[in-house]
Amino acid sequence: MKRVMILNGPNLNMLGIREPHIYGTTTLAEVNAGCEEAAAKLGLKLAFHQSNHEGVLVDLIQSARQDADAIVINPAGLSFTSVSIMDAIKTFEGPVLEVHISNIHARDEYHRHSKISFVASGVICGLGPSGYLLAMRSVAEAMPTAASSGAQPTTLHSGQRAA
């Protein structure tokens, strides 16, 4: 069973409350529940985390080297500032999909240029909470289990795209 670690950055614990005109009214608990349901259907083992602290997220990314086959990350505000998270992702050998609930490219200048996008395998933005589900589906399709496909697992590395 493929292991996916979903990481959520600062203030995402306030989803549904903070700026609902931008992020909607879905709570992080509801996002987690949807991801758990999707993981069960896709045959993925899910670890779902949120932290308001950059170092905690770096530690989780580093632990993913042993604990996960893929990372889905919504770095939130750290997307635009964190060289530390970007560097930690560079050490992870599996696919890393960056997710944003809002369309960062349609926002103000400060919220348009994610440092994480430079090292992510792919970016999903502007699709609301369903972006998480699309990322999980992409991981499941890009990384078939050896038992189900009769082949070795396919791994996307940072900067690579699925065929």
C-alpha atoms as a PDB file:
ATOM      1  CA  MET A   1       0.000   0.000   0.000  1.00  0.00           C
ATOM      2  CA  LYS A   2       1.441   3.363  -1.035  1.00  0.00           C
ATOM      3  CA  ARG A   3       1.885   5.906   1.743  1.00  0.00           C
ATOM      4  CA  VAL A   4       0.933   9.554   1.230  1.00  0.00           C
ATOM      5  CA  MET A   5       1.760  12.313   3.675  1.00  0.00           C
ATOM      6  CA  ILE A   6      -0.432  15.411   3.424  1.00  0.00           C
ATOM      7  CA  LEU A   7       1.083  18.506   5.002  1.00  0.00           C
ATOM      8  CA  ASN A   8      -0.758  21.734   5.723  1.00  0.00           C
ATOM      9  CA  GLY A   9       0.943  24.969   6.680  1.00  0.00           C
ATOM     10  CA  PRO A  10       0.134  27.938   8.889  1.00  0.00           C
ATOM     11  CA  ASN A  11      -3.436  29.086   9.433  1.00  0.00           C
ATOM     12  CA  LEU A  12      -4.978  26.182   7.536  1.00  0.00           C
ATOM     13  CA  ASN A  13      -6.363  25.056  10.882  1.00  0.00           C
ATOM     14  CA  MET A  14      -8.576  28.152  10.493  1.00  0.00           C
ATOM     15  CA  LEU A  15     -10.163  27.017   7.218  1.00  0.00           C
ATOM     16  CA  GLY A  16     -13.860  27.745   7.183  1.00  0.00           C
ATOM     17  CA  ILE A  17     -13.329  30.754   9.459  1.00  0.00           C
ATOM     18  CA  ARG A  18     -10.471  32.745   7.935  1.00  0.00           C
ATOM     19  CA  GLU A  19     -11.337  34.684   4.781  1.00  0.00           C
ATOM     20  CA  PRO A  20     -14.145  32.413   3.563  1.00  0.00           C
ATOM     21  CA  HIS A  21     -14.521  34.663   0.508  1.00  0.00           C
ATOM     22  CA  ILE A  22     -11.080  33.373  -0.595  1.00  0.00           C
ATOM     23  CA  TYR A  23     -10.835  29.899   0.961  1.00  0.00           C
ATOM     24  CA  GLY A  24     -14.481  28.865   1.301  1.00  0.00           C
ATOM     25  CA  THR A  25     -16.284  27.456   4.297  1.00  0.00           C
ATOM     26  CA  THR A  26     -14.883  23.913   4.310  1.00  0.00           C
ATOM     27  CA  THR A  27     -12.944  23.199   7.499  1.00  0.00           C
ATOM     28  CA  LEU A  28      -9.611  21.395   7.676  1.00  0.00           C
ATOM     29  CA  ALA A  29     -11.373  18.557   9.518  1.00  0.00           C
ATOM     30  CA  GLU A  30     -13.697  18.211   6.513  1.00  0.00           C
ATOM     31  CA  VAL A  31     -10.714  18.249   4.141  1.00  0.00           C
ATOM     32  CA  ASN A  32      -9.095  15.518   6.252  1.00  0.00           C
ATOM     33  CA  ALA A  33     -12.289  13.424   6.207  1.00  0.00           C
ATOM     34  CA  GLY A  34     -12.526  13.733   2.422  1.00  0.00           C
ATOM     35  CA  CYS A  35      -8.879  12.736   2.070  1.00  0.00           C
ATOM     36  CA  GLU A  36      -9.353   9.725   4.362  1.00  0.00           C
ATOM     37  CA  GLU A  37     -12.329   8.579   2.272  1.00  0.00           C
ATOM     38  CA  ALA A  38     -10.377   9.052  -0.963  1.00  0.00           C
ATOM     39  CA  ALA A  39      -7.346   7.220   0.450  1.00  0.00           C
ATOM     40  CA  ALA A  40      -9.507   4.206   1.280  1.00  0.00           C
ATOM     41  CA  LYS A  41     -10.936   4.124  -2.255  1.00  0.00           C
ATOM     42  CA  LEU A  42      -7.528   4.620  -3.890  1.00  0.00           C
ATOM     43  CA  GLY A  43      -5.715   2.083  -1.724  1.00  0.00           C
ATOM     44  CA  LEU A  44      -3.443   4.671  -0.142  1.00  0.00           C
ATOM     45  CA  LYS A  45      -2.255   4.862   3.453  1.00  0.00           C
ATOM     46  CA  LEU A  46      -2.695   8.467   4.589  1.00  0.00           C
ATOM     47  CA  ALA A  47      -0.932  10.592   7.192  1.00  0.00           C
ATOM     48  CA  PHE A  48      -2.524  14.065   7.501  1.00  0.00           C
ATOM     49  CA  HIS A  49      -0.738  16.870   9.368  1.00  0.00           C
ATOM     50  CA  GLN A  50      -1.075  20.605   9.964  1.00  0.00           C
ATOM     51  CA  SER A  51       1.351  22.930  11.689  1.00  0.00           C
ATOM     52  CA  ASN A  52       1.708  26.646  12.152  1.00  0.00           C
ATOM     53  CA  HIS A  53       5.460  26.161  12.595  1.00  0.00           C
ATOM     54  CA  GLU A  54       7.944  26.003   9.728  1.00  0.00           C
ATOM     55  CA  GLY A  55      10.410  23.770  11.575  1.00  0.00           C
ATOM     56  CA  VAL A  56       7.721  21.198  12.346  1.00  0.00           C
ATOM     57  CA  LEU A  57       6.878  21.026   8.635  1.00  0.00           C
ATOM     58  CA  VAL A  58      10.572  20.623   7.772  1.00  0.00           C
ATOM     59  CA  ASP A  59      10.808  17.780  10.310  1.00  0.00           C
ATOM     60  CA  LEU A  60       7.740  16.100   8.772  1.00  0.00           C
ATOM     61  CA  ILE A  61       9.169  16.400   5.258  1.00  0.00           C
ATOM     62  CA  GLN A  62      12.429  14.869   6.468  1.00  0.00           C
ATOM     63  CA  SER A  63      10.538  12.041   8.194  1.00  0.00           C
ATOM     64  CA  ALA A  64       8.655  11.389   4.947  1.00  0.00           C
ATOM     65  CA  ARG A  65      11.900  10.013   3.511  1.00  0.00           C
ATOM     66  CA  GLN A  66      11.171   6.889   5.595  1.00  0.00           C
ATOM     67  CA  ASP A  67       7.428   7.226   6.242  1.00  0.00           C
ATOM     68  CA  ALA A  68       5.894   8.150   2.855  1.00  0.00           C
ATOM     69  CA  ASP A  69       6.075   7.391  -0.830  1.00  0.00           C
ATOM     70  CA  ALA A  70       4.579  10.761  -1.830  1.00  0.00           C
ATOM     71  CA  ILE A  71       3.886  14.158  -0.294  1.00  0.00           C
ATOM     72  CA  VAL A  72       0.918  16.435  -0.921  1.00  0.00           C
ATOM     73  CA  ILE A  73       1.658  19.832   0.581  1.00  0.00           C
ATOM     74  CA  ASN A  74      -0.277  23.036   1.027  1.00  0.00           C
ATOM     75  CA  PRO A  75       2.442  25.208   2.535  1.00  0.00           C
ATOM     76  CA  ALA A  76       0.017  28.147   2.831  1.00  0.00           C
ATOM     77  CA  GLY A  77       1.844  31.420   3.551  1.00  0.00           C
ATOM     78  CA  LEU A  78       5.178  29.607   3.744  1.00  0.00           C
ATOM     79  CA  SER A  79       4.859  28.922   0.004  1.00  0.00           C
ATOM     80  CA  PHE A  80       6.168  32.394  -0.695  1.00  0.00           C
ATOM     81  CA  THR A  81       8.919  32.637   1.906  1.00  0.00           C
ATOM     82  CA  SER A  82      10.318  29.277   2.997  1.00  0.00           C
ATOM     83  CA  VAL A  83      13.673  28.299   1.586  1.00  0.00           C
ATOM     84  CA  SER A  84      13.851  25.749   4.433  1.00  0.00           C
ATOM     85  CA  ILE A  85      10.777  23.873   3.227  1.00  0.00           C
ATOM     86  CA  MET A  86      11.968  24.083  -0.375  1.00  0.00           C
ATOM     87  CA  ASP A  87      15.352  22.629   0.619  1.00  0.00           C
ATOM     88  CA  ALA A  88      13.738  19.853   2.690  1.00  0.00           C
ATOM     89  CA  ILE A  89      11.584  18.854  -0.284  1.00  0.00           C
ATOM     90  CA  LYS A  90      14.725  18.555  -2.408  1.00  0.00           C
ATOM     91  CA  THR A  91      15.803  15.644  -0.187  1.00  0.00           C
ATOM     92  CA  PHE A  92      12.575  13.690  -0.776  1.00  0.00           C
ATOM     93  CA  GLU A  93      12.821  11.221  -3.647  1.00  0.00           C
ATOM     94  CA  GLY A  94       9.114  10.616  -4.335  1.00  0.00           C
ATOM     95  CA  PRO A  95       6.532  12.866  -5.964  1.00  0.00           C
ATOM     96  CA  VAL A  96       5.605  16.104  -4.221  1.00  0.00           C
ATOM     97  CA  LEU A  97       2.370  17.769  -5.258  1.00  0.00           C
ATOM     98  CA  GLU A  98       1.784  21.338  -4.138  1.00  0.00           C
ATOM     99  CA  VAL A  99      -1.858  22.239  -3.495  1.00  0.00           C
ATOM    100  CA  HIS A 100      -3.443  25.640  -3.002  1.00  0.00           C
ATOM    101  CA  ILE A 101      -7.140  26.153  -2.325  1.00  0.00           C
ATOM    102  CA  SER A 102      -7.155  29.561  -4.004  1.00  0.00           C
ATOM    103  CA  ASN A 103      -5.728  30.428  -7.400  1.00  0.00           C
ATOM    104  CA  ILE A 104      -2.483  32.015  -6.253  1.00  0.00           C
ATOM    105  CA  HIS A 105      -1.828  33.312  -9.770  1.00  0.00           C
ATOM    106  CA  ALA A 106      -4.940  35.488  -9.610  1.00  0.00           C
ATOM    107  CA  ARG A 107      -4.065  37.006  -6.249  1.00  0.00           C
ATOM    108  CA  ASP A 108      -1.974  39.986  -5.232  1.00  0.00           C
ATOM    109  CA  GLU A 109       1.677  40.106  -6.234  1.00  0.00           C
ATOM    110  CA  TYR A 110       2.891  38.792  -2.859  1.00  0.00           C
ATOM    111  CA  HIS A 111       0.788  35.605  -3.176  1.00  0.00           C
ATOM    112  CA  ARG A 112       1.730  34.692  -6.766  1.00  0.00           C
ATOM    113  CA  HIS A 113       5.235  33.261  -6.627  1.00  0.00           C
ATOM    114  CA  SER A 114       5.621  30.052  -4.658  1.00  0.00           C
ATOM    115  CA  LYS A 115       9.157  28.940  -3.869  1.00  0.00           C
ATOM    116  CA  ILE A 116       7.802  25.419  -3.390  1.00  0.00           C
ATOM    117  CA  SER A 117       6.645  25.251  -7.021  1.00  0.00           C
ATOM    118  CA  PHE A 118      10.289  25.212  -8.101  1.00  0.00           C
ATOM    119  CA  VAL A 119      10.786  21.791  -6.489  1.00  0.00           C
ATOM    120  CA  ALA A 120       7.294  20.275  -6.678  1.00  0.00           C
ATOM    121  CA  SER A 121       6.474  17.550  -9.189  1.00  0.00           C
ATOM    122  CA  GLY A 122       3.189  19.325  -9.883  1.00  0.00           C
ATOM    123  CA  VAL A 123       0.983  22.171  -8.682  1.00  0.00           C
ATOM    124  CA  ILE A 124      -2.795  22.253  -8.269  1.00  0.00           C
ATOM    125  CA  CYS A 125      -4.344  25.591  -7.392  1.00  0.00           C
ATOM    126  CA  GLY A 126      -7.669  27.355  -7.466  1.00  0.00           C
ATOM    127  CA  LEU A 127      -9.864  24.258  -7.262  1.00  0.00           C
ATOM    128  CA  GLY A 128     -10.770  24.575  -3.601  1.00  0.00           C
ATOM    129  CA  PRO A 129     -10.484  21.571  -1.287  1.00  0.00           C
ATOM    130  CA  SER A 130     -10.990  19.200  -4.237  1.00  0.00           C
ATOM    131  CA  GLY A 131      -7.380  20.000  -5.176  1.00  0.00           C
ATOM    132  CA  TYR A 132      -6.296  17.658  -2.385  1.00  0.00           C
ATOM    133  CA  LEU A 133      -8.372  14.832  -3.851  1.00  0.00           C
ATOM    134  CA  LEU A 134      -6.972  15.435  -7.334  1.00  0.00           C
ATOM    135  CA  ALA A 135      -3.450  15.352  -5.929  1.00  0.00           C
ATOM    136  CA  MET A 136      -4.148  12.045  -4.195  1.00  0.00           C
ATOM    137  CA  ARG A 137      -5.600  10.585  -7.379  1.00  0.00           C
ATOM    138  CA  SER A 138      -2.546  11.746  -9.321  1.00  0.00           C
ATOM    139  CA  VAL A 139      -0.273  10.073  -6.784  1.00  0.00           C
ATOM    140  CA  ALA A 140      -2.269   6.845  -6.953  1.00  0.00           C
ATOM    141  CA  GLU A 141      -2.130   6.822 -10.770  1.00  0.00           C
ATOM    142  CA  ALA A 142       1.563   7.745 -10.956  1.00  0.00           C
ATOM    143  CA  MET A 143       2.560   5.156  -8.384  1.00  0.00           C
ATOM    144  CA  PRO A 144       0.763   1.871  -9.119  1.00  0.00           C
ATOM    145  CA  THR A 145       1.488  -0.890  -6.662  1.00  0.00           C
ATOM    146  CA  ALA A 146       3.717  -3.652  -7.968  1.00  0.00           C
ATOM    147  CA  ALA A 147       1.027  -6.210  -7.079  1.00  0.00           C
ATOM    148  CA  SER A 148      -1.731  -4.481  -9.040  1.00  0.00           C
ATOM    149  CA  SER A 149       0.281  -3.672 -12.152  1.00  0.00           C
ATOM    150  CA  GLY A 150       2.771  -6.489 -12.284  1.00  0.00           C
ATOM    151  CA  ALA A 151       5.486  -3.865 -12.664  1.00  0.00           C
ATOM    152  CA  GLN A 152       7.808  -1.942 -10.444  1.00  0.00           C
ATOM    153  CA  PRO A 153       6.291   1.205  -8.891  1.00  0.00           C
ATOM    154  CA  THR A 154       6.679   4.376 -10.902  1.00  0.00           C
ATOM    155  CA  THR A 155       8.213   7.232  -8.959  1.00  0.00           C
ATOM    156  CA  LEU A 156       8.103  10.873  -9.941  1.00  0.00           C
ATOM    157  CA  HIS A 157      11.017  12.887  -8.663  1.00  0.00           C
ATOM    158  CA  SER A 158      11.004  16.604  -8.034  1.00  0.00           C
ATOM    159  CA  GLY A 159      11.018  18.354 -11.363  1.00  0.00           C
ATOM    160  CA  GLN A 160       9.755  15.285 -13.276  1.00  0.00           C
ATOM    161  CA  ARG A 161       6.304  14.875 -14.750  1.00  0.00           C
ATOM    162  CA  ALA A 162       4.183  11.796 -15.131  1.00  0.00           C
ATOM    163  CA  ALA A 163       4.263  10.263 -18.605  1.00  0.00           C
END
